Amino acid sequence: QLQLVESGGGLVQPGGSLRLSCAAPGFTLANTAIGWFRQAPGKEREGVSCISRSGAGKNYLDSVKGRFTISGDNAKNTVYLQMNSLKPEDAAVYYCAAGWPAVQDMCVMIETEYDNWGQGTQVTVSS
């Protein structure tokens, strides 16, 4: 069964950067839509970014546009979320999720569109 493993979280000062990774040991993430979601204490989980099955389509939460970048490396079988200019409100547990929608070139940040989820990685933004 596909298992997703997130890594790269940690403690960073406001304005700093982190790169999260989403890997699937033993499985290929090619032709797979990947979504990044986050959940802060006391808040509902929200979609942050996604990349489509073809890699051509990407979406971002409005509050992270221009600061976060999602990308995939088929050779490393990993999807990344590069997070720059981090703010305290970005602090949360970040999850990656995999899905196989019929549409190849678009993705949506809707939880029900994803079938497999990782365990999450903590991101703390604090001085």
Foldseek 3Di string as FASTA:
>chain_A
DWAKAKDFADEAAQQAKIKIKIATPPDACALKKKWKWWDAPPDDIWTAKIAFNNRQEMDGDPVQPPFWDWGDDRVRRMIMIIGGRDDQVVWGWMKMFIANDPDGNYDDTDVVRGDYIYPTDTHGYHD
